[in-house]
Amino acid sequence: MGFSALRVINDDRVAADSGFDTHGHRDMEIISYVLEGEIAHKDSAVNVATLPPGEFQLMSTGSGIRHSEFDPSQTKEVHFLQIWI
């Protein structure tokens, strides 16, 4: 698992109208970068955002943040990278 401070690089493809249920991570800085499609983000700190291609998001999870990701499109999959440090 990981290399130095880098823990994970997920190359995710999420089908249209599906995603990841609400979940948490312990003591991670998480960077999400959208390559194709859009990803909708929602978290327990009441942040809600939809990220288009070329956008990134940084989230600190050490404070008990729980979050979910979802592909809001009815027709196109989303392709994004998620990097855990």
PDB file of N, CA and C in Angstrom:
ATOM      1  N   MET A   1       0.841  -1.184   0.000  1.00  0.00           N
ATOM      2  CA  MET A   1       0.000   0.000   0.000  1.00  0.00           C
ATOM      3  C   MET A   1       0.874   1.230   0.000  1.00  0.00           C
ATOM      4  N   GLY A   2       0.861   1.963  -1.086  1.00  0.00           N
ATOM      5  CA  GLY A   2       1.465   3.272  -1.153  1.00  0.00           C
ATOM      6  C   GLY A   2       2.957   3.312  -1.327  1.00  0.00           C
ATOM      7  N   PHE A   3       3.426   4.536  -1.490  1.00  0.00           N
ATOM      8  CA  PHE A   3       4.824   4.850  -1.645  1.00  0.00           C
ATOM      9  C   PHE A   3       5.060   6.149  -0.899  1.00  0.00           C
ATOM     10  N   SER A   4       5.829   6.112   0.178  1.00  0.00           N
ATOM     11  CA  SER A   4       6.063   7.280   1.028  1.00  0.00           C
ATOM     12  C   SER A   4       4.711   7.786   1.540  1.00  0.00           C
ATOM     13  N   ALA A   5       4.407   9.068   1.332  1.00  0.00           N
ATOM     14  CA  ALA A   5       3.134   9.628   1.802  1.00  0.00           C
ATOM     15  C   ALA A   5       1.967   9.276   0.876  1.00  0.00           C
ATOM     16  N   LEU A   6       2.275   8.852  -0.362  1.00  0.00           N
ATOM     17  CA  LEU A   6       1.229   8.463  -1.303  1.00  0.00           C
ATOM     18  C   LEU A   6       0.656   7.105  -0.895  1.00  0.00           C
ATOM     19  N   ARG A   7      -0.651   7.027  -0.703  1.00  0.00           N
ATOM     20  CA  ARG A   7      -1.285   5.786  -0.292  1.00  0.00           C
ATOM     21  C   ARG A   7      -1.975   5.087  -1.451  1.00  0.00           C
ATOM     22  N   VAL A   8      -2.727   5.849  -2.251  1.00  0.00           N
ATOM     23  CA  VAL A   8      -3.529   5.238  -3.308  1.00  0.00           C
ATOM     24  C   VAL A   8      -3.648   6.208  -4.478  1.00  0.00           C
ATOM     25  N   ILE A   9      -3.627   5.671  -5.685  1.00  0.00           N
ATOM     26  CA  ILE A   9      -4.098   6.397  -6.866  1.00  0.00           C
ATOM     27  C   ILE A   9      -5.157   5.509  -7.504  1.00  0.00           C
ATOM     28  N   ASN A  10      -6.403   5.895  -7.375  1.00  0.00           N
ATOM     29  CA  ASN A  10      -7.511   5.159  -7.986  1.00  0.00           C
ATOM     30  C   ASN A  10      -7.818   5.772  -9.344  1.00  0.00           C
ATOM     31  N   ASP A  11      -7.849   4.946 -10.371  1.00  0.00           N
ATOM     32  CA  ASP A  11      -8.280   5.348 -11.706  1.00  0.00           C
ATOM     33  C   ASP A  11      -9.701   4.819 -11.847  1.00  0.00           C
ATOM     34  N   ASP A  12     -10.680   5.673 -11.515  1.00  0.00           N
ATOM     35  CA  ASP A  12     -12.071   5.232 -11.407  1.00  0.00           C
ATOM     36  C   ASP A  12     -12.885   5.574 -12.647  1.00  0.00           C
ATOM     37  N   ARG A  13     -13.715   4.629 -13.037  1.00  0.00           N
ATOM     38  CA  ARG A  13     -14.742   4.840 -14.057  1.00  0.00           C
ATOM     39  C   ARG A  13     -16.061   4.437 -13.410  1.00  0.00           C
ATOM     40  N   VAL A  14     -16.987   5.377 -13.385  1.00  0.00           N
ATOM     41  CA  VAL A  14     -18.269   5.134 -12.725  1.00  0.00           C
ATOM     42  C   VAL A  14     -19.368   5.240 -13.780  1.00  0.00           C
ATOM     43  N   ALA A  15     -20.199   4.221 -13.855  1.00  0.00           N
ATOM     44  CA  ALA A  15     -21.294   4.187 -14.816  1.00  0.00           C
ATOM     45  C   ALA A  15     -22.282   5.322 -14.564  1.00  0.00           C
ATOM     46  N   ALA A  16     -22.984   5.690 -15.636  1.00  0.00           N
ATOM     47  CA  ALA A  16     -24.016   6.725 -15.533  1.00  0.00           C
ATOM     48  C   ALA A  16     -25.016   6.365 -14.444  1.00  0.00           C
ATOM     49  N   ASP A  17     -25.454   7.382 -13.711  1.00  0.00           N
ATOM     50  CA  ASP A  17     -26.485   7.247 -12.682  1.00  0.00           C
ATOM     51  C   ASP A  17     -26.116   6.230 -11.594  1.00  0.00           C
ATOM     52  N   SER A  18     -24.839   6.195 -11.225  1.00  0.00           N
ATOM     53  CA  SER A  18     -24.398   5.329 -10.121  1.00  0.00           C
ATOM     54  C   SER A  18     -23.225   5.993  -9.418  1.00  0.00           C
ATOM     55  N   GLY A  19     -22.731   5.369  -8.353  1.00  0.00           N
ATOM     56  CA  GLY A  19     -21.621   5.969  -7.629  1.00  0.00           C
ATOM     57  C   GLY A  19     -21.262   5.203  -6.387  1.00  0.00           C
ATOM     58  N   PHE A  20     -20.627   5.909  -5.448  1.00  0.00           N
ATOM     59  CA  PHE A  20     -20.157   5.333  -4.199  1.00  0.00           C
ATOM     60  C   PHE A  20     -20.993   5.885  -3.051  1.00  0.00           C
ATOM     61  N   ASP A  21     -21.545   4.997  -2.243  1.00  0.00           N
ATOM     62  CA  ASP A  21     -22.331   5.424  -1.082  1.00  0.00           C
ATOM     63  C   ASP A  21     -21.464   6.210  -0.098  1.00  0.00           C
ATOM     64  N   THR A  22     -22.107   6.867   0.843  1.00  0.00           N
ATOM     65  CA  THR A  22     -21.413   7.654   1.849  1.00  0.00           C
ATOM     66  C   THR A  22     -20.457   6.767   2.641  1.00  0.00           C
ATOM     67  N   HIS A  23     -19.223   7.236   2.756  1.00  0.00           N
ATOM     68  CA  HIS A  23     -18.177   6.481   3.453  1.00  0.00           C
ATOM     69  C   HIS A  23     -17.135   7.450   3.990  1.00  0.00           C
ATOM     70  N   GLY A  24     -16.259   6.958   4.821  1.00  0.00           N
ATOM     71  CA  GLY A  24     -15.213   7.793   5.397  1.00  0.00           C
ATOM     72  C   GLY A  24     -13.830   7.225   5.140  1.00  0.00           C
ATOM     73  N   HIS A  25     -12.842   8.037   5.406  1.00  0.00           N
ATOM     74  CA  HIS A  25     -11.430   7.657   5.332  1.00  0.00           C
ATOM     75  C   HIS A  25     -10.765   8.232   6.571  1.00  0.00           C
ATOM     76  N   ARG A  26      -9.787   7.556   7.103  1.00  0.00           N
ATOM     77  CA  ARG A  26      -9.122   8.049   8.297  1.00  0.00           C
ATOM     78  C   ARG A  26      -7.824   8.755   7.929  1.00  0.00           C
ATOM     79  N   ASP A  27      -7.699  10.008   8.334  1.00  0.00           N
ATOM     80  CA  ASP A  27      -6.452  10.773   8.231  1.00  0.00           C
ATOM     81  C   ASP A  27      -5.866  10.784   6.827  1.00  0.00           C
ATOM     82  N   MET A  28      -6.658  11.180   5.854  1.00  0.00           N
ATOM     83  CA  MET A  28      -6.196  11.268   4.469  1.00  0.00           C
ATOM     84  C   MET A  28      -6.474  12.652   3.907  1.00  0.00           C
ATOM     85  N   GLU A  29      -5.592  13.067   3.030  1.00  0.00           N
ATOM     86  CA  GLU A  29      -5.860  14.192   2.142  1.00  0.00           C
ATOM     87  C   GLU A  29      -6.224  13.531   0.819  1.00  0.00           C
ATOM     88  N   ILE A  30      -7.382  13.845   0.276  1.00  0.00           N
ATOM     89  CA  ILE A  30      -7.853  13.195  -0.937  1.00  0.00           C
ATOM     90  C   ILE A  30      -8.027  14.230  -2.039  1.00  0.00           C
ATOM     91  N   ILE A  31      -7.390  13.960  -3.158  1.00  0.00           N
ATOM     92  CA  ILE A  31      -7.481  14.822  -4.335  1.00  0.00           C
ATOM     93  C   ILE A  31      -8.260  14.051  -5.396  1.00  0.00           C
ATOM     94  N   SER A  32      -9.329  14.642  -5.885  1.00  0.00           N
ATOM     95  CA  SER A  32     -10.097  14.058  -6.983  1.00  0.00           C
ATOM     96  C   SER A  32      -9.896  14.947  -8.204  1.00  0.00           C
ATOM     97  N   TYR A  33      -9.605  14.320  -9.357  1.00  0.00           N
ATOM     98  CA  TYR A  33      -9.388  15.051 -10.610  1.00  0.00           C
ATOM     99  C   TYR A  33     -10.213  14.384 -11.704  1.00  0.00           C
ATOM    100  N   VAL A  34     -11.119  15.147 -12.313  1.00  0.00           N
ATOM    101  CA  VAL A  34     -12.042  14.610 -13.314  1.00  0.00           C
ATOM    102  C   VAL A  34     -11.392  14.665 -14.701  1.00  0.00           C
ATOM    103  N   LEU A  35     -11.372  13.503 -15.364  1.00  0.00           N
ATOM    104  CA  LEU A  35     -10.822  13.400 -16.717  1.00  0.00           C
ATOM    105  C   LEU A  35     -11.920  13.512 -17.781  1.00  0.00           C
ATOM    106  N   GLU A  36     -13.035  12.805 -17.580  1.00  0.00           N
ATOM    107  CA  GLU A  36     -14.169  12.832 -18.513  1.00  0.00           C
ATOM    108  C   GLU A  36     -15.466  12.734 -17.725  1.00  0.00           C
ATOM    109  N   GLY A  37     -16.511  13.378 -18.228  1.00  0.00           N
ATOM    110  CA  GLY A  37     -17.802  13.351 -17.548  1.00  0.00           C
ATOM    111  C   GLY A  37     -17.822  14.319 -16.376  1.00  0.00           C
ATOM    112  N   GLU A  38     -18.728  14.116 -15.465  1.00  0.00           N
ATOM    113  CA  GLU A  38     -18.838  14.941 -14.258  1.00  0.00           C
ATOM    114  C   GLU A  38     -19.029  14.036 -13.052  1.00  0.00           C
ATOM    115  N   ILE A  39     -18.518  14.477 -11.912  1.00  0.00           N
ATOM    116  CA  ILE A  39     -18.720  13.743 -10.664  1.00  0.00           C
ATOM    117  C   ILE A  39     -19.399  14.674  -9.662  1.00  0.00           C
ATOM    118  N   ALA A  40     -20.441  14.184  -9.032  1.00  0.00           N
ATOM    119  CA  ALA A  40     -21.131  14.951  -7.995  1.00  0.00           C
ATOM    120  C   ALA A  40     -20.591  14.504  -6.644  1.00  0.00           C
ATOM    121  N   HIS A  41     -20.258  15.472  -5.797  1.00  0.00           N
ATOM    122  CA  HIS A  41     -19.690  15.210  -4.473  1.00  0.00           C
ATOM    123  C   HIS A  41     -20.638  15.771  -3.423  1.00  0.00           C
ATOM    124  N   LYS A  42     -20.784  15.019  -2.331  1.00  0.00           N
ATOM    125  CA  LYS A  42     -21.571  15.479  -1.185  1.00  0.00           C
ATOM    126  C   LYS A  42     -20.867  14.959   0.057  1.00  0.00           C
ATOM    127  N   ASP A  43     -20.759  15.810   1.106  1.00  0.00           N
ATOM    128  CA  ASP A  43     -20.099  15.332   2.320  1.00  0.00           C
ATOM    129  C   ASP A  43     -20.810  15.801   3.576  1.00  0.00           C
ATOM    130  N   SER A  44     -20.356  15.254   4.701  1.00  0.00           N
ATOM    131  CA  SER A  44     -20.996  15.525   5.988  1.00  0.00           C
ATOM    132  C   SER A  44     -20.721  16.930   6.515  1.00  0.00           C
ATOM    133  N   ALA A  45     -19.846  17.690   5.846  1.00  0.00           N
ATOM    134  CA  ALA A  45     -19.609  19.086   6.210  1.00  0.00           C
ATOM    135  C   ALA A  45     -20.522  20.002   5.400  1.00  0.00           C
ATOM    136  N   VAL A  46     -21.532  19.422   4.772  1.00  0.00           N
ATOM    137  CA  VAL A  46     -22.550  20.114   3.984  1.00  0.00           C
ATOM    138  C   VAL A  46     -21.977  20.748   2.713  1.00  0.00           C
ATOM    139  N   ASN A  47     -20.904  20.177   2.188  1.00  0.00           N
ATOM    140  CA  ASN A  47     -20.365  20.610   0.902  1.00  0.00           C
ATOM    141  C   ASN A  47     -21.017  19.776  -0.189  1.00  0.00           C
ATOM    142  N   VAL A  48     -21.488  20.463  -1.224  1.00  0.00           N
ATOM    143  CA  VAL A  48     -22.082  19.805  -2.384  1.00  0.00           C
ATOM    144  C   VAL A  48     -21.489  20.475  -3.608  1.00  0.00           C
ATOM    145  N   ALA A  49     -20.969  19.681  -4.550  1.00  0.00           N
ATOM    146  CA  ALA A  49     -20.368  20.242  -5.759  1.00  0.00           C
ATOM    147  C   ALA A  49     -20.449  19.230  -6.885  1.00  0.00           C
ATOM    148  N   THR A  50     -20.509  19.734  -8.108  1.00  0.00           N
ATOM    149  CA  THR A  50     -20.395  18.895  -9.288  1.00  0.00           C
ATOM    150  C   THR A  50     -19.163  19.362 -10.034  1.00  0.00           C
ATOM    151  N   LEU A  51     -18.224  18.442 -10.235  1.00  0.00           N
ATOM    152  CA  LEU A  51     -16.944  18.777 -10.853  1.00  0.00           C
ATOM    153  C   LEU A  51     -16.934  18.347 -12.319  1.00  0.00           C
ATOM    154  N   PRO A  52     -16.665  19.292 -13.242  1.00  0.00           N
ATOM    155  CA  PRO A  52     -16.559  18.952 -14.657  1.00  0.00           C
ATOM    156  C   PRO A  52     -15.124  18.515 -14.997  1.00  0.00           C
ATOM    157  N   PRO A  53     -14.880  18.061 -16.220  1.00  0.00           N
ATOM    158  CA  PRO A  53     -13.521  17.675 -16.618  1.00  0.00           C
ATOM    159  C   PRO A  53     -12.531  18.821 -16.417  1.00  0.00           C
ATOM    160  N   GLY A  54     -11.343  18.468 -15.939  1.00  0.00           N
ATOM    161  CA  GLY A  54     -10.289  19.462 -15.711  1.00  0.00           C
ATOM    162  C   GLY A  54     -10.323  20.082 -14.329  1.00  0.00           C
ATOM    163  N   GLU A  55     -11.365  19.816 -13.561  1.00  0.00           N
ATOM    164  CA  GLU A  55     -11.472  20.353 -12.204  1.00  0.00           C
ATOM    165  C   GLU A  55     -10.937  19.340 -11.195  1.00  0.00           C
ATOM    166  N   PHE A  56     -10.465  19.866 -10.080  1.00  0.00           N
ATOM    167  CA  PHE A  56     -10.042  18.983  -9.001  1.00  0.00           C
ATOM    168  C   PHE A  56     -10.617  19.464  -7.687  1.00  0.00           C
ATOM    169  N   GLN A  57     -10.608  18.566  -6.727  1.00  0.00           N
ATOM    170  CA  GLN A  57     -11.120  18.880  -5.398  1.00  0.00           C
ATOM    171  C   GLN A  57     -10.149  18.304  -4.373  1.00  0.00           C
ATOM    172  N   LEU A  58      -9.899  19.047  -3.325  1.00  0.00           N
ATOM    173  CA  LEU A  58      -9.068  18.587  -2.218  1.00  0.00           C
ATOM    174  C   LEU A  58      -9.957  18.463  -0.989  1.00  0.00           C
ATOM    175  N   MET A  59      -9.858  17.310  -0.321  1.00  0.00           N
ATOM    176  CA  MET A  59     -10.669  17.080   0.870  1.00  0.00           C
ATOM    177  C   MET A  59      -9.779  16.512   1.979  1.00  0.00           C
ATOM    178  N   SER A  60      -9.860  17.104   3.159  1.00  0.00           N
ATOM    179  CA  SER A  60      -9.170  16.587   4.339  1.00  0.00           C
ATOM    180  C   SER A  60     -10.156  15.739   5.124  1.00  0.00           C
ATOM    181  N   THR A  61      -9.781  14.492   5.426  1.00  0.00           N
ATOM    182  CA  THR A  61     -10.739  13.582   6.054  1.00  0.00           C
ATOM    183  C   THR A  61     -10.404  13.252   7.501  1.00  0.00           C
ATOM    184  N   GLY A  62      -9.382  13.836   8.064  1.00  0.00           N
ATOM    185  CA  GLY A  62      -8.973  13.507   9.423  1.00  0.00           C
ATOM    186  C   GLY A  62      -9.939  13.946  10.497  1.00  0.00           C
ATOM    187  N   SER A  63     -10.898  14.785  10.144  1.00  0.00           N
ATOM    188  CA  SER A  63     -11.833  15.286  11.144  1.00  0.00           C
ATOM    189  C   SER A  63     -13.160  14.539  11.135  1.00  0.00           C
ATOM    190  N   GLY A  64     -13.181  13.331  10.583  1.00  0.00           N
ATOM    191  CA  GLY A  64     -14.393  12.533  10.583  1.00  0.00           C
ATOM    192  C   GLY A  64     -15.332  12.815   9.430  1.00  0.00           C
ATOM    193  N   ILE A  65     -14.850  13.466   8.388  1.00  0.00           N
ATOM    194  CA  ILE A  65     -15.682  13.754   7.221  1.00  0.00           C
ATOM    195  C   ILE A  65     -16.092  12.448   6.542  1.00  0.00           C
ATOM    196  N   ARG A  66     -17.353  12.374   6.181  1.00  0.00           N
ATOM    197  CA  ARG A  66     -17.864  11.258   5.377  1.00  0.00           C
ATOM    198  C   ARG A  66     -18.362  11.853   4.070  1.00  0.00           C
ATOM    199  N   HIS A  67     -18.188  11.121   2.971  1.00  0.00           N
ATOM    200  CA  HIS A  67     -18.551  11.686   1.676  1.00  0.00           C
ATOM    201  C   HIS A  67     -19.052  10.612   0.720  1.00  0.00           C
ATOM    202  N   SER A  68     -19.666  11.074  -0.366  1.00  0.00           N
ATOM    203  CA  SER A  68     -20.099  10.184  -1.430  1.00  0.00           C
ATOM    204  C   SER A  68     -19.784  10.837  -2.769  1.00  0.00           C
ATOM    205  N   GLU A  69     -19.619   9.997  -3.789  1.00  0.00           N
ATOM    206  CA  GLU A  69     -19.438  10.466  -5.164  1.00  0.00           C
ATOM    207  C   GLU A  69     -20.493   9.785  -6.019  1.00  0.00           C
ATOM    208  N   PHE A  70     -20.966  10.525  -7.020  1.00  0.00           N
ATOM    209  CA  PHE A  70     -22.047  10.011  -7.848  1.00  0.00           C
ATOM    210  C   PHE A  70     -21.917  10.579  -9.249  1.00  0.00           C
ATOM    211  N   ASP A  71     -22.168   9.754 -10.257  1.00  0.00           N
ATOM    212  CA  ASP A  71     -22.199  10.224 -11.647  1.00  0.00           C
ATOM    213  C   ASP A  71     -23.617  10.699 -11.938  1.00  0.00           C
ATOM    214  N   PRO A  72     -23.828  12.018 -12.070  1.00  0.00           N
ATOM    215  CA  PRO A  72     -25.185  12.521 -12.250  1.00  0.00           C
ATOM    216  C   PRO A  72     -25.746  12.346 -13.666  1.00  0.00           C
ATOM    217  N   SER A  73     -24.900  11.969 -14.614  1.00  0.00           N
ATOM    218  CA  SER A  73     -25.361  11.808 -15.996  1.00  0.00           C
ATOM    219  C   SER A  73     -26.260  10.579 -16.126  1.00  0.00           C
ATOM    220  N   GLN A  74     -27.227  10.668 -16.987  1.00  0.00           N
ATOM    221  CA  GLN A  74     -28.092   9.523 -17.288  1.00  0.00           C
ATOM    222  C   GLN A  74     -27.517   8.667 -18.410  1.00  0.00           C
ATOM    223  N   THR A  75     -26.464   9.180 -19.107  1.00  0.00           N
ATOM    224  CA  THR A  75     -25.964   8.470 -20.290  1.00  0.00           C
ATOM    225  C   THR A  75     -24.452   8.255 -20.337  1.00  0.00           C
ATOM    226  N   LYS A  76     -23.662   9.111 -19.690  1.00  0.00           N
ATOM    227  CA  LYS A  76     -22.207   9.042 -19.829  1.00  0.00           C
ATOM    228  C   LYS A  76     -21.539   8.621 -18.532  1.00  0.00           C
ATOM    229  N   GLU A  77     -20.530   7.739 -18.643  1.00  0.00           N
ATOM    230  CA  GLU A  77     -19.761   7.395 -17.449  1.00  0.00           C
ATOM    231  C   GLU A  77     -18.813   8.544 -17.119  1.00  0.00           C
ATOM    232  N   VAL A  78     -18.385   8.594 -15.874  1.00  0.00           N
ATOM    233  CA  VAL A  78     -17.387   9.565 -15.439  1.00  0.00           C
ATOM    234  C   VAL A  78     -16.072   8.815 -15.232  1.00  0.00           C
ATOM    235  N   HIS A  79     -14.987   9.473 -15.613  1.00  0.00           N
ATOM    236  CA  HIS A  79     -13.635   8.924 -15.442  1.00  0.00           C
ATOM    237  C   HIS A  79     -12.864   9.945 -14.620  1.00  0.00           C
ATOM    238  N   PHE A  80     -12.388   9.515 -13.445  1.00  0.00           N
ATOM    239  CA  PHE A  80     -11.653  10.450 -12.599  1.00  0.00           C
ATOM    240  C   PHE A  80     -10.557   9.715 -11.835  1.00  0.00           C
ATOM    241  N   LEU A  81      -9.587  10.483 -11.393  1.00  0.00           N
ATOM    242  CA  LEU A  81      -8.512   9.967 -10.548  1.00  0.00           C
ATOM    243  C   LEU A  81      -8.783  10.411  -9.119  1.00  0.00           C
ATOM    244  N   GLN A  82      -8.521   9.524  -8.181  1.00  0.00           N
ATOM    245  CA  GLN A  82      -8.614   9.902  -6.779  1.00  0.00           C
ATOM    246  C   GLN A  82      -7.293   9.499  -6.125  1.00  0.00           C
ATOM    247  N   ILE A  83      -6.622  10.479  -5.556  1.00  0.00           N
ATOM    248  CA  ILE A  83      -5.281  10.305  -4.998  1.00  0.00           C
ATOM    249  C   ILE A  83      -5.360  10.517  -3.491  1.00  0.00           C
ATOM    250  N   TRP A  84      -4.900   9.528  -2.731  1.00  0.00           N
ATOM    251  CA  TRP A  84      -4.930   9.611  -1.272  1.00  0.00           C
ATOM    252  C   TRP A  84      -3.520   9.823  -0.763  1.00  0.00           C
ATOM    253  N   ILE A  85      -3.350  10.858   0.052  1.00  0.00           N
ATOM    254  CA  ILE A  85      -2.043  11.170   0.656  1.00  0.00           C
ATOM    255  C   ILE A  85      -2.211  11.160   2.156  1.00  0.00           C
TER     256      ILE A  85
END
